[in-house]
PDB file of N, CA and C in Angstrom:
ATOM      1  N   MET A   1      -6.442  -0.998  -2.406  1.00  0.00           N
ATOM      2  CA  MET A   1      -6.357  -0.055  -3.505  1.00  0.00           C
ATOM      3  C   MET A   1      -5.498   1.138  -3.098  1.00  0.00           C
ATOM      4  N   PRO A   2      -4.767   1.697  -4.060  1.00  0.00           N
ATOM      5  CA  PRO A   2      -3.939   2.873  -3.761  1.00  0.00           C
ATOM      6  C   PRO A   2      -4.775   4.092  -3.379  1.00  0.00           C
ATOM      7  N   ARG A   3      -4.198   4.909  -2.519  1.00  0.00           N
ATOM      8  CA  ARG A   3      -4.864   6.123  -2.031  1.00  0.00           C
ATOM      9  C   ARG A   3      -4.200   7.346  -2.670  1.00  0.00           C
ATOM     10  N   VAL A   4      -5.048   8.276  -3.121  1.00  0.00           N
ATOM     11  CA  VAL A   4      -4.588   9.549  -3.676  1.00  0.00           C
ATOM     12  C   VAL A   4      -5.101  10.666  -2.788  1.00  0.00           C
ATOM     13  N   THR A   5      -4.192  11.566  -2.397  1.00  0.00           N
ATOM     14  CA  THR A   5      -4.554  12.724  -1.586  1.00  0.00           C
ATOM     15  C   THR A   5      -4.184  13.988  -2.351  1.00  0.00           C
ATOM     16  N   PHE A   6      -5.155  14.871  -2.543  1.00  0.00           N
ATOM     17  CA  PHE A   6      -4.895  16.199  -3.079  1.00  0.00           C
ATOM     18  C   PHE A   6      -4.733  17.106  -1.871  1.00  0.00           C
ATOM     19  N   ALA A   7      -3.476  17.356  -1.483  1.00  0.00           N
ATOM     20  CA  ALA A   7      -3.166  18.043  -0.233  1.00  0.00           C
ATOM     21  C   ALA A   7      -3.663  19.481  -0.201  1.00  0.00           C
ATOM     22  N   ASP A   8      -3.684  20.150  -1.339  1.00  0.00           N
ATOM     23  CA  ASP A   8      -4.060  21.558  -1.354  1.00  0.00           C
ATOM     24  C   ASP A   8      -5.558  21.793  -1.187  1.00  0.00           C
ATOM     25  N   VAL A   9      -6.365  20.769  -1.419  1.00  0.00           N
ATOM     26  CA  VAL A   9      -7.816  20.919  -1.278  1.00  0.00           C
ATOM     27  C   VAL A   9      -8.409  19.915  -0.284  1.00  0.00           C
ATOM     28  N   ALA A  10      -7.543  19.172   0.393  1.00  0.00           N
ATOM     29  CA  ALA A  10      -7.958  18.223   1.434  1.00  0.00           C
ATOM     30  C   ALA A  10      -9.010  17.233   0.944  1.00  0.00           C
ATOM     31  N   LYS A  11      -8.745  16.636  -0.224  1.00  0.00           N
ATOM     32  CA  LYS A  11      -9.632  15.592  -0.743  1.00  0.00           C
ATOM     33  C   LYS A  11      -8.792  14.364  -1.030  1.00  0.00           C
ATOM     34  N   GLU A  12      -9.378  13.191  -0.751  1.00  0.00           N
ATOM     35  CA  GLU A  12      -8.642  11.951  -0.978  1.00  0.00           C
ATOM     36  C   GLU A  12      -9.609  10.809  -1.217  1.00  0.00           C
ATOM     37  N   GLY A  13      -9.042   9.733  -1.749  1.00  0.00           N
ATOM     38  CA  GLY A  13      -9.846   8.550  -1.981  1.00  0.00           C
ATOM     39  C   GLY A  13      -8.987   7.405  -2.472  1.00  0.00           C
ATOM     40  N   GLU A  14      -9.573   6.219  -2.518  1.00  0.00           N
ATOM     41  CA  GLU A  14      -8.880   5.028  -3.008  1.00  0.00           C
ATOM     42  C   GLU A  14      -9.386   4.716  -4.409  1.00  0.00           C
ATOM     43  N   PHE A  15      -8.425   4.400  -5.302  1.00  0.00           N
ATOM     44  CA  PHE A  15      -8.745   4.171  -6.704  1.00  0.00           C
ATOM     45  C   PHE A  15      -7.936   3.007  -7.245  1.00  0.00           C
ATOM     46  N   PRO A  16      -8.449   2.340  -8.268  1.00  0.00           N
ATOM     47  CA  PRO A  16      -7.727   1.212  -8.855  1.00  0.00           C
ATOM     48  C   PRO A  16      -6.404   1.653  -9.486  1.00  0.00           C
ATOM     49  N   ALA A  17      -5.395   0.806  -9.373  1.00  0.00           N
ATOM     50  CA  ALA A  17      -4.124   1.059 -10.050  1.00  0.00           C
ATOM     51  C   ALA A  17      -4.393   1.207 -11.535  1.00  0.00           C
ATOM     52  N   GLY A  18      -3.648   2.104 -12.190  1.00  0.00           N
ATOM     53  CA  GLY A  18      -3.802   2.338 -13.617  1.00  0.00           C
ATOM     54  C   GLY A  18      -4.710   3.511 -13.946  1.00  0.00           C
ATOM     55  N   THR A  19      -5.375   4.069 -12.943  1.00  0.00           N
ATOM     56  CA  THR A  19      -6.252   5.215 -13.157  1.00  0.00           C
ATOM     57  C   THR A  19      -5.415   6.483 -13.288  1.00  0.00           C
ATOM     58  N   THR A  20      -5.765   7.375 -14.227  1.00  0.00           N
ATOM     59  CA  THR A  20      -5.017   8.628 -14.362  1.00  0.00           C
ATOM     60  C   THR A  20      -5.371   9.573 -13.222  1.00  0.00           C
ATOM     61  N   LEU A  21      -4.410  10.421 -12.876  1.00  0.00           N
ATOM     62  CA  LEU A  21      -4.666  11.407 -11.834  1.00  0.00           C
ATOM     63  C   LEU A  21      -5.730  12.407 -12.268  1.00  0.00           C
ATOM     64  N   LEU A  22      -5.847  12.670 -13.563  1.00  0.00           N
ATOM     65  CA  LEU A  22      -6.889  13.574 -14.043  1.00  0.00           C
ATOM     66  C   LEU A  22      -8.275  12.983 -13.791  1.00  0.00           C
ATOM     67  N   SER A  23      -8.466  11.723 -14.099  1.00  0.00           N
ATOM     68  CA  SER A  23      -9.785  11.125 -13.864  1.00  0.00           C
ATOM     69  C   SER A  23     -10.080  11.022 -12.364  1.00  0.00           C
ATOM     70  N   ILE A  24      -9.053  10.809 -11.567  1.00  0.00           N
ATOM     71  CA  ILE A  24      -9.236  10.795 -10.109  1.00  0.00           C
ATOM     72  C   ILE A  24      -9.658  12.178  -9.624  1.00  0.00           C
ATOM     73  N   ALA A  25      -8.988  13.217 -10.136  1.00  0.00           N
ATOM     74  CA  ALA A  25      -9.346  14.587  -9.757  1.00  0.00           C
ATOM     75  C   ALA A  25     -10.811  14.863 -10.086  1.00  0.00           C
ATOM     76  N   GLU A  26     -11.246  14.437 -11.263  1.00  0.00           N
ATOM     77  CA  GLU A  26     -12.643  14.654 -11.651  1.00  0.00           C
ATOM     78  C   GLU A  26     -13.592  13.928 -10.707  1.00  0.00           C
ATOM     79  N   LYS A  27     -13.253  12.701 -10.330  1.00  0.00           N
ATOM     80  CA  LYS A  27     -14.117  11.938  -9.422  1.00  0.00           C
ATOM     81  C   LYS A  27     -14.179  12.555  -8.026  1.00  0.00           C
ATOM     82  N   LEU A  28     -13.084  13.207  -7.617  1.00  0.00           N
ATOM     83  CA  LEU A  28     -13.047  13.851  -6.305  1.00  0.00           C
ATOM     84  C   LEU A  28     -13.536  15.297  -6.363  1.00  0.00           C
ATOM     85  N   ASP A  29     -13.950  15.743  -7.539  1.00  0.00           N
ATOM     86  CA  ASP A  29     -14.398  17.121  -7.746  1.00  0.00           C
ATOM     87  C   ASP A  29     -13.290  18.128  -7.432  1.00  0.00           C
ATOM     88  N   VAL A  30     -12.068  17.797  -7.886  1.00  0.00           N
ATOM     89  CA  VAL A  30     -10.923  18.692  -7.778  1.00  0.00           C
ATOM     90  C   VAL A  30     -10.736  19.340  -9.144  1.00  0.00           C
ATOM     91  N   ARG A  31     -10.718  20.646  -9.176  1.00  0.00           N
ATOM     92  CA  ARG A  31     -10.624  21.375 -10.448  1.00  0.00           C
ATOM     93  C   ARG A  31      -9.177  21.350 -10.973  1.00  0.00           C
ATOM     94  N   VAL A  32      -8.997  20.697 -12.120  1.00  0.00           N
ATOM     95  CA  VAL A  32      -7.709  20.656 -12.813  1.00  0.00           C
ATOM     96  C   VAL A  32      -7.981  21.043 -14.261  1.00  0.00           C
ATOM     97  N   SER A  33      -7.338  22.107 -14.722  1.00  0.00           N
ATOM     98  CA  SER A  33      -7.514  22.538 -16.106  1.00  0.00           C
ATOM     99  C   SER A  33      -7.041  21.443 -17.053  1.00  0.00           C
ATOM    100  N   HIS A  34      -7.754  21.254 -18.156  1.00  0.00           N
ATOM    101  CA  HIS A  34      -7.322  20.312 -19.189  1.00  0.00           C
ATOM    102  C   HIS A  34      -7.930  20.735 -20.517  1.00  0.00           C
ATOM    103  N   VAL A  35      -7.323  21.786 -21.075  1.00  0.00           N
ATOM    104  CA  VAL A  35      -7.809  22.431 -22.291  1.00  0.00           C
ATOM    105  C   VAL A  35      -7.948  21.435 -23.444  1.00  0.00           C
ATOM    106  N   CYS A  36      -7.022  20.482 -23.558  1.00  0.00           N
ATOM    107  CA  CYS A  36      -7.042  19.541 -24.686  1.00  0.00           C
ATOM    108  C   CYS A  36      -7.943  18.333 -24.421  1.00  0.00           C
ATOM    109  N   GLY A  37      -8.598  18.304 -23.286  1.00  0.00           N
ATOM    110  CA  GLY A  37      -9.490  17.193 -22.981  1.00  0.00           C
ATOM    111  C   GLY A  37      -8.776  15.975 -22.422  1.00  0.00           C
ATOM    112  N   GLY A  38      -7.535  16.146 -22.010  1.00  0.00           N
ATOM    113  CA  GLY A  38      -6.795  15.035 -21.400  1.00  0.00           C
ATOM    114  C   GLY A  38      -5.991  14.215 -22.383  1.00  0.00           C
ATOM    115  N   ASP A  39      -5.614  14.806 -23.518  1.00  0.00           N
ATOM    116  CA  ASP A  39      -4.823  14.099 -24.531  1.00  0.00           C
ATOM    117  C   ASP A  39      -3.315  14.262 -24.357  1.00  0.00           C
ATOM    118  N   GLY A  40      -2.876  15.069 -23.402  1.00  0.00           N
ATOM    119  CA  GLY A  40      -1.448  15.285 -23.208  1.00  0.00           C
ATOM    120  C   GLY A  40      -0.864  16.320 -24.144  1.00  0.00           C
ATOM    121  N   ALA A  41      -1.708  17.037 -24.879  1.00  0.00           N
ATOM    122  CA  ALA A  41      -1.230  17.977 -25.886  1.00  0.00           C
ATOM    123  C   ALA A  41      -0.988  19.389 -25.356  1.00  0.00           C
ATOM    124  N   CYS A  42      -1.753  19.815 -24.346  1.00  0.00           N
ATOM    125  CA  CYS A  42      -1.684  21.222 -23.950  1.00  0.00           C
ATOM    126  C   CYS A  42      -0.777  21.498 -22.752  1.00  0.00           C
ATOM    127  N   GLY A  43      -0.642  20.554 -21.847  1.00  0.00           N
ATOM    128  CA  GLY A  43       0.200  20.762 -20.665  1.00  0.00           C
ATOM    129  C   GLY A  43      -0.454  21.541 -19.547  1.00  0.00           C
ATOM    130  N   THR A  44      -1.771  21.803 -19.626  1.00  0.00           N
ATOM    131  CA  THR A  44      -2.425  22.608 -18.590  1.00  0.00           C
ATOM    132  C   THR A  44      -2.849  21.807 -17.363  1.00  0.00           C
ATOM    133  N   CYS A  45      -2.777  20.494 -17.423  1.00  0.00           N
ATOM    134  CA  CYS A  45      -3.250  19.669 -16.295  1.00  0.00           C
ATOM    135  C   CYS A  45      -2.104  19.273 -15.357  1.00  0.00           C
ATOM    136  N   ARG A  46      -1.144  20.146 -15.220  1.00  0.00           N
ATOM    137  CA  ARG A  46       0.017  19.846 -14.368  1.00  0.00           C
ATOM    138  C   ARG A  46      -0.372  19.674 -12.909  1.00  0.00           C
ATOM    139  N   ILE A  47       0.257  18.693 -12.294  1.00  0.00           N
ATOM    140  CA  ILE A  47       0.123  18.491 -10.858  1.00  0.00           C
ATOM    141  C   ILE A  47       1.528  18.421 -10.271  1.00  0.00           C
ATOM    142  N   GLU A  48       1.629  18.719  -8.997  1.00  0.00           N
ATOM    143  CA  GLU A  48       2.888  18.627  -8.268  1.00  0.00           C
ATOM    144  C   GLU A  48       2.823  17.393  -7.381  1.00  0.00           C
ATOM    145  N   VAL A  49       3.786  16.502  -7.535  1.00  0.00           N
ATOM    146  CA  VAL A  49       3.832  15.298  -6.716  1.00  0.00           C
ATOM    147  C   VAL A  49       4.573  15.638  -5.425  1.00  0.00           C
ATOM    148  N   VAL A  50       3.850  15.631  -4.323  1.00  0.00           N
ATOM    149  CA  VAL A  50       4.411  15.941  -3.011  1.00  0.00           C
ATOM    150  C   VAL A  50       5.110  14.712  -2.436  1.00  0.00           C
ATOM    151  N   ASP A  51       4.489  13.547  -2.611  1.00  0.00           N
ATOM    152  CA  ASP A  51       5.059  12.297  -2.111  1.00  0.00           C
ATOM    153  C   ASP A  51       4.540  11.150  -2.973  1.00  0.00           C
ATOM    154  N   GLY A  52       5.422  10.222  -3.301  1.00  0.00           N
ATOM    155  CA  GLY A  52       5.014   9.044  -4.047  1.00  0.00           C
ATOM    156  C   GLY A  52       5.342   9.082  -5.530  1.00  0.00           C
ATOM    157  N   TRP A  53       6.365   9.858  -5.917  1.00  0.00           N
ATOM    158  CA  TRP A  53       6.761   9.940  -7.333  1.00  0.00           C
ATOM    159  C   TRP A  53       6.911   8.543  -7.939  1.00  0.00           C
ATOM    160  N   ASP A  54       7.513   7.643  -7.191  1.00  0.00           N
ATOM    161  CA  ASP A  54       7.752   6.283  -7.695  1.00  0.00           C
ATOM    162  C   ASP A  54       6.490   5.420  -7.673  1.00  0.00           C
ATOM    163  N   GLN A  55       5.382   5.979  -7.212  1.00  0.00           N
ATOM    164  CA  GLN A  55       4.111   5.258  -7.194  1.00  0.00           C
ATOM    165  C   GLN A  55       3.215   5.654  -8.375  1.00  0.00           C
ATOM    166  N   LEU A  56       3.836   6.325  -9.361  1.00  0.00           N
ATOM    167  CA  LEU A  56       3.161   6.684 -10.604  1.00  0.00           C
ATOM    168  C   LEU A  56       3.917   6.048 -11.763  1.00  0.00           C
ATOM    169  N   THR A  57       3.231   5.827 -12.876  1.00  0.00           N
ATOM    170  CA  THR A  57       3.901   5.301 -14.059  1.00  0.00           C
ATOM    171  C   THR A  57       4.976   6.296 -14.504  1.00  0.00           C
ATOM    172  N   PRO A  58       6.004   5.822 -15.219  1.00  0.00           N
ATOM    173  CA  PRO A  58       7.058   6.731 -15.683  1.00  0.00           C
ATOM    174  C   PRO A  58       6.492   7.813 -16.609  1.00  0.00           C
ATOM    175  N   PRO A  59       7.169   8.972 -16.675  1.00  0.00           N
ATOM    176  CA  PRO A  59       6.717  10.040 -17.572  1.00  0.00           C
ATOM    177  C   PRO A  59       6.613   9.548 -19.022  1.00  0.00           C
ATOM    178  N   THR A  60       5.578  10.007 -19.697  1.00  0.00           N
ATOM    179  CA  THR A  60       5.325   9.635 -21.082  1.00  0.00           C
ATOM    180  C   THR A  60       6.075  10.578 -22.030  1.00  0.00           C
ATOM    181  N   PRO A  61       6.148  10.239 -23.326  1.00  0.00           N
ATOM    182  CA  PRO A  61       6.766  11.159 -24.285  1.00  0.00           C
ATOM    183  C   PRO A  61       6.099  12.531 -24.298  1.00  0.00           C
ATOM    184  N   ASP A  62       4.783  12.595 -24.086  1.00  0.00           N
ATOM    185  CA  ASP A  62       4.109  13.899 -24.025  1.00  0.00           C
ATOM    186  C   ASP A  62       4.668  14.762 -22.899  1.00  0.00           C
ATOM    187  N   GLU A  63       5.044  14.129 -21.802  1.00  0.00           N
ATOM    188  CA  GLU A  63       5.594  14.877 -20.666  1.00  0.00           C
ATOM    189  C   GLU A  63       7.054  15.247 -20.901  1.00  0.00           C
ATOM    190  N   THR A  64       7.838  14.323 -21.411  1.00  0.00           N
ATOM    191  CA  THR A  64       9.255  14.617 -21.622  1.00  0.00           C
ATOM    192  C   THR A  64       9.431  15.649 -22.733  1.00  0.00           C
ATOM    193  N   TYR A  65       8.537  15.643 -23.716  1.00  0.00           N
ATOM    194  CA  TYR A  65       8.573  16.635 -24.781  1.00  0.00           C
ATOM    195  C   TYR A  65       8.339  18.041 -24.223  1.00  0.00           C
ATOM    196  N   LYS A  66       7.489  18.146 -23.227  1.00  0.00           N
ATOM    197  CA  LYS A  66       7.189  19.439 -22.609  1.00  0.00           C
ATOM    198  C   LYS A  66       8.227  19.817 -21.558  1.00  0.00           C
ATOM    199  N   GLU A  67       9.237  18.958 -21.387  1.00  0.00           N
ATOM    200  CA  GLU A  67      10.344  19.194 -20.467  1.00  0.00           C
ATOM    201  C   GLU A  67       9.870  19.478 -19.041  1.00  0.00           C
ATOM    202  N   LEU A  68       8.894  18.705 -18.590  1.00  0.00           N
ATOM    203  CA  LEU A  68       8.454  18.808 -17.197  1.00  0.00           C
ATOM    204  C   LEU A  68       9.481  18.121 -16.312  1.00  0.00           C
ATOM    205  N   ASP A  69       9.916  18.807 -15.295  1.00  0.00           N
ATOM    206  CA  ASP A  69      10.876  18.240 -14.356  1.00  0.00           C
ATOM    207  C   ASP A  69      10.168  17.899 -13.063  1.00  0.00           C
ATOM    208  N   PRO A  70      10.704  16.908 -12.336  1.00  0.00           N
ATOM    209  CA  PRO A  70      10.140  16.592 -11.021  1.00  0.00           C
ATOM    210  C   PRO A  70      10.108  17.869 -10.180  1.00  0.00           C
ATOM    211  N   PRO A  71       9.076  18.084  -9.436  1.00  0.00           N
ATOM    212  CA  PRO A  71       8.024  17.169  -9.033  1.00  0.00           C
ATOM    213  C   PRO A  71       6.760  17.256  -9.886  1.00  0.00           C
ATOM    214  N   TYR A  72       6.844  17.812 -11.106  1.00  0.00           N
ATOM    215  CA  TYR A  72       5.642  18.038 -11.909  1.00  0.00           C
ATOM    216  C   TYR A  72       5.370  16.914 -12.893  1.00  0.00           C
ATOM    217  N   ARG A  73       4.076  16.611 -13.053  1.00  0.00           N
ATOM    218  CA  ARG A  73       3.589  15.618 -14.021  1.00  0.00           C
ATOM    219  C   ARG A  73       2.332  16.169 -14.674  1.00  0.00           C
ATOM    220  N   LEU A  74       1.969  15.584 -15.819  1.00  0.00           N
ATOM    221  CA  LEU A  74       0.672  15.871 -16.425  1.00  0.00           C
ATOM    222  C   LEU A  74      -0.316  14.876 -15.826  1.00  0.00           C
ATOM    223  N   SER A  75      -1.380  15.370 -15.246  1.00  0.00           N
ATOM    224  CA  SER A  75      -2.321  14.472 -14.571  1.00  0.00           C
ATOM    225  C   SER A  75      -3.037  13.548 -15.553  1.00  0.00           C
ATOM    226  N   CYS A  76      -3.107  13.926 -16.826  1.00  0.00           N
ATOM    227  CA  CYS A  76      -3.758  13.062 -17.811  1.00  0.00           C
ATOM    228  C   CYS A  76      -2.856  11.909 -18.240  1.00  0.00           C
ATOM    229  N   GLN A  77      -1.569  12.005 -17.953  1.00  0.00           N
ATOM    230  CA  GLN A  77      -0.614  10.984 -18.363  1.00  0.00           C
ATOM    231  C   GLN A  77      -0.148  10.111 -17.204  1.00  0.00           C
ATOM    232  N   ALA A  78      -0.095  10.667 -16.003  1.00  0.00           N
ATOM    233  CA  ALA A  78       0.390   9.943 -14.823  1.00  0.00           C
ATOM    234  C   ALA A  78      -0.676   8.974 -14.324  1.00  0.00           C
ATOM    235  N   ARG A  79      -0.319   7.705 -14.306  1.00  0.00           N
ATOM    236  CA  ARG A  79      -1.250   6.659 -13.844  1.00  0.00           C
ATOM    237  C   ARG A  79      -0.794   6.134 -12.482  1.00  0.00           C
ATOM    238  N   LEU A  80      -1.759   5.845 -11.670  1.00  0.00           N
ATOM    239  CA  LEU A  80      -1.552   5.430 -10.287  1.00  0.00           C
ATOM    240  C   LEU A  80      -1.014   4.004 -10.192  1.00  0.00           C
ATOM    241  N   LEU A  81       0.024   3.844  -9.370  1.00  0.00           N
ATOM    242  CA  LEU A  81       0.553   2.518  -9.034  1.00  0.00           C
ATOM    243  C   LEU A  81       0.405   2.227  -7.544  1.00  0.00           C
ATOM    244  N   GLY A  82       0.519   3.279  -6.729  1.00  0.00           N
ATOM    245  CA  GLY A  82       0.450   3.147  -5.276  1.00  0.00           C
ATOM    246  C   GLY A  82       0.024   4.479  -4.668  1.00  0.00           C
ATOM    247  N   ASN A  83       0.186   4.624  -3.363  1.00  0.00           N
ATOM    248  CA  ASN A  83      -0.250   5.822  -2.654  1.00  0.00           C
ATOM    249  C   ASN A  83       0.553   7.052  -3.070  1.00  0.00           C
ATOM    250  N   VAL A  84      -0.158   8.164  -3.334  1.00  0.00           N
ATOM    251  CA  VAL A  84       0.498   9.421  -3.686  1.00  0.00           C
ATOM    252  C   VAL A  84      -0.190  10.590  -3.011  1.00  0.00           C
ATOM    253  N   ILE A  85       0.586  11.642  -2.806  1.00  0.00           N
ATOM    254  CA  ILE A  85       0.073  12.926  -2.338  1.00  0.00           C
ATOM    255  C   ILE A  85       0.465  13.941  -3.399  1.00  0.00           C
ATOM    256  N   VAL A  86      -0.519  14.694  -3.882  1.00  0.00           N
ATOM    257  CA  VAL A  86      -0.285  15.650  -4.956  1.00  0.00           C
ATOM    258  C   VAL A  86      -0.949  16.984  -4.650  1.00  0.00           C
ATOM    259  N   LYS A  87      -0.583  17.998  -5.428  1.00  0.00           N
ATOM    260  CA  LYS A  87      -1.224  19.311  -5.398  1.00  0.00           C
ATOM    261  C   LYS A  87      -1.486  19.720  -6.838  1.00  0.00           C
ATOM    262  N   VAL A  88      -2.514  20.499  -7.052  1.00  0.00           N
ATOM    263  CA  VAL A  88      -2.765  21.065  -8.377  1.00  0.00           C
ATOM    264  C   VAL A  88      -1.732  22.173  -8.594  1.00  0.00           C
ATOM    265  N   ALA A  89      -0.957  22.070  -9.676  1.00  0.00           N
ATOM    266  CA  ALA A  89       0.104  23.039  -9.947  1.00  0.00           C
ATOM    267  C   ALA A  89      -0.488  24.336 -10.487  1.00  0.00           C
ATOM    268  N   LYS A  90       0.052  25.446 -10.034  1.00  0.00           N
ATOM    269  CA  LYS A  90      -0.361  26.750 -10.534  1.00  0.00           C
ATOM    270  C   LYS A  90       0.406  27.008 -11.839  1.00  0.00           C
ATOM    271  N   ILE A  91      -0.329  27.377 -12.875  1.00  0.00           N
ATOM    272  CA  ILE A  91       0.304  27.707 -14.151  1.00  0.00           C
ATOM    273  C   ILE A  91       0.353  29.208 -14.286  1.00  0.00           C
ATOM    274  N   GLU A  92       1.562  29.705 -14.524  1.00  0.00           N
ATOM    275  CA  GLU A  92       1.735  31.162 -14.629  1.00  0.00           C
ATOM    276  C   GLU A  92       1.938  31.569 -16.063  1.00  0.00           C
TER     277      GLU A  92
END
């Protein structure tokens, strides 16, 4: 199973491919804001992909509409394909 590491909080685990990074964060007890409940509407669940960009599903229309550029993704939209290292993005 693919491994996800949240580098900024030193938490990691193995999860089935196809799982969203937001649901993984919740299972690891990593705090990620998601005002819209994970629908891709608000953009508050941003994460920074440190390593493994190509190990996530391609950006969705919700992400491209919000003009998120690498290394940022919406954790509710990015689904796991392989090993990744991420950080919770600070929203200013």
